[in-house]
Amino acid sequence: MMGCSSGGRDPEKVFLSEMVNLGKGFLDVFVGFGDMVTGH
């Protein structure tokens, strides 16, 4: 998926990557919270 990007950083790709990072962070928090609740 690495193609030629005009003007360096493509705002849409930057936005998507930020959303992916937010999703991963939320998932980590959710899993950690679930572990605390279940006592694992």
C-alpha atoms as a PDB file:
ATOM      1  CA  MET A   1       0.000   0.000   0.000  1.00  0.00           C
ATOM      2  CA  MET A   2       3.045   2.274  -0.283  1.00  0.00           C
ATOM      3  CA  GLY A   3       2.456   4.334  -3.410  1.00  0.00           C
ATOM      4  CA  CYS A   4       3.488   7.755  -4.635  1.00  0.00           C
ATOM      5  CA  SER A   5       1.959  10.427  -2.433  1.00  0.00           C
ATOM      6  CA  SER A   6       1.681  13.933  -3.821  1.00  0.00           C
ATOM      7  CA  GLY A   7       2.831  16.682  -1.469  1.00  0.00           C
ATOM      8  CA  GLY A   8       4.441  14.394   1.089  1.00  0.00           C
ATOM      9  CA  ARG A   9       1.901  13.563   3.795  1.00  0.00           C
ATOM     10  CA  ASP A  10      -1.572  12.685   2.563  1.00  0.00           C
ATOM     11  CA  PRO A  11      -4.055  14.122   5.108  1.00  0.00           C
ATOM     12  CA  GLU A  12      -6.445  11.211   4.595  1.00  0.00           C
ATOM     13  CA  LYS A  13      -3.711   8.634   5.271  1.00  0.00           C
ATOM     14  CA  VAL A  14      -2.543  10.598   8.320  1.00  0.00           C
ATOM     15  CA  PHE A  15      -6.109  10.680   9.646  1.00  0.00           C
ATOM     16  CA  LEU A  16      -6.554   6.941   9.078  1.00  0.00           C
ATOM     17  CA  SER A  17      -3.268   6.119  10.805  1.00  0.00           C
ATOM     18  CA  GLU A  18      -4.247   8.306  13.764  1.00  0.00           C
ATOM     19  CA  MET A  19      -7.598   6.525  13.999  1.00  0.00           C
ATOM     20  CA  VAL A  20      -5.790   3.161  13.959  1.00  0.00           C
ATOM     21  CA  ASN A  21      -3.476   4.330  16.741  1.00  0.00           C
ATOM     22  CA  LEU A  22      -6.460   5.524  18.794  1.00  0.00           C
ATOM     23  CA  GLY A  23      -8.185   2.195  18.226  1.00  0.00           C
ATOM     24  CA  LYS A  24      -5.128   0.283  19.432  1.00  0.00           C
ATOM     25  CA  GLY A  25      -4.802   2.473  22.520  1.00  0.00           C
ATOM     26  CA  PHE A  26      -8.483   2.037  23.348  1.00  0.00           C
ATOM     27  CA  LEU A  27      -8.185  -1.725  22.873  1.00  0.00           C
ATOM     28  CA  ASP A  28      -5.190  -1.864  25.232  1.00  0.00           C
ATOM     29  CA  VAL A  29      -7.097   0.086  27.885  1.00  0.00           C
ATOM     30  CA  PHE A  30     -10.202  -2.052  27.405  1.00  0.00           C
ATOM     31  CA  VAL A  31      -8.235  -5.320  27.708  1.00  0.00           C
ATOM     32  CA  GLY A  32      -6.367  -4.050  30.779  1.00  0.00           C
ATOM     33  CA  PHE A  33      -9.620  -2.962  32.404  1.00  0.00           C
ATOM     34  CA  GLY A  34     -11.219  -6.326  31.613  1.00  0.00           C
ATOM     35  CA  ASP A  35      -8.263  -8.110  33.226  1.00  0.00           C
ATOM     36  CA  MET A  36      -8.662  -5.987  36.363  1.00  0.00           C
ATOM     37  CA  VAL A  37     -12.390  -6.745  36.580  1.00  0.00           C
ATOM     38  CA  THR A  38     -12.024 -10.497  36.031  1.00  0.00           C
ATOM     39  CA  GLY A  39      -8.955 -10.680  38.288  1.00  0.00           C
ATOM     40  CA  HIS A  40      -6.642 -12.380  35.784  1.00  0.00           C
END
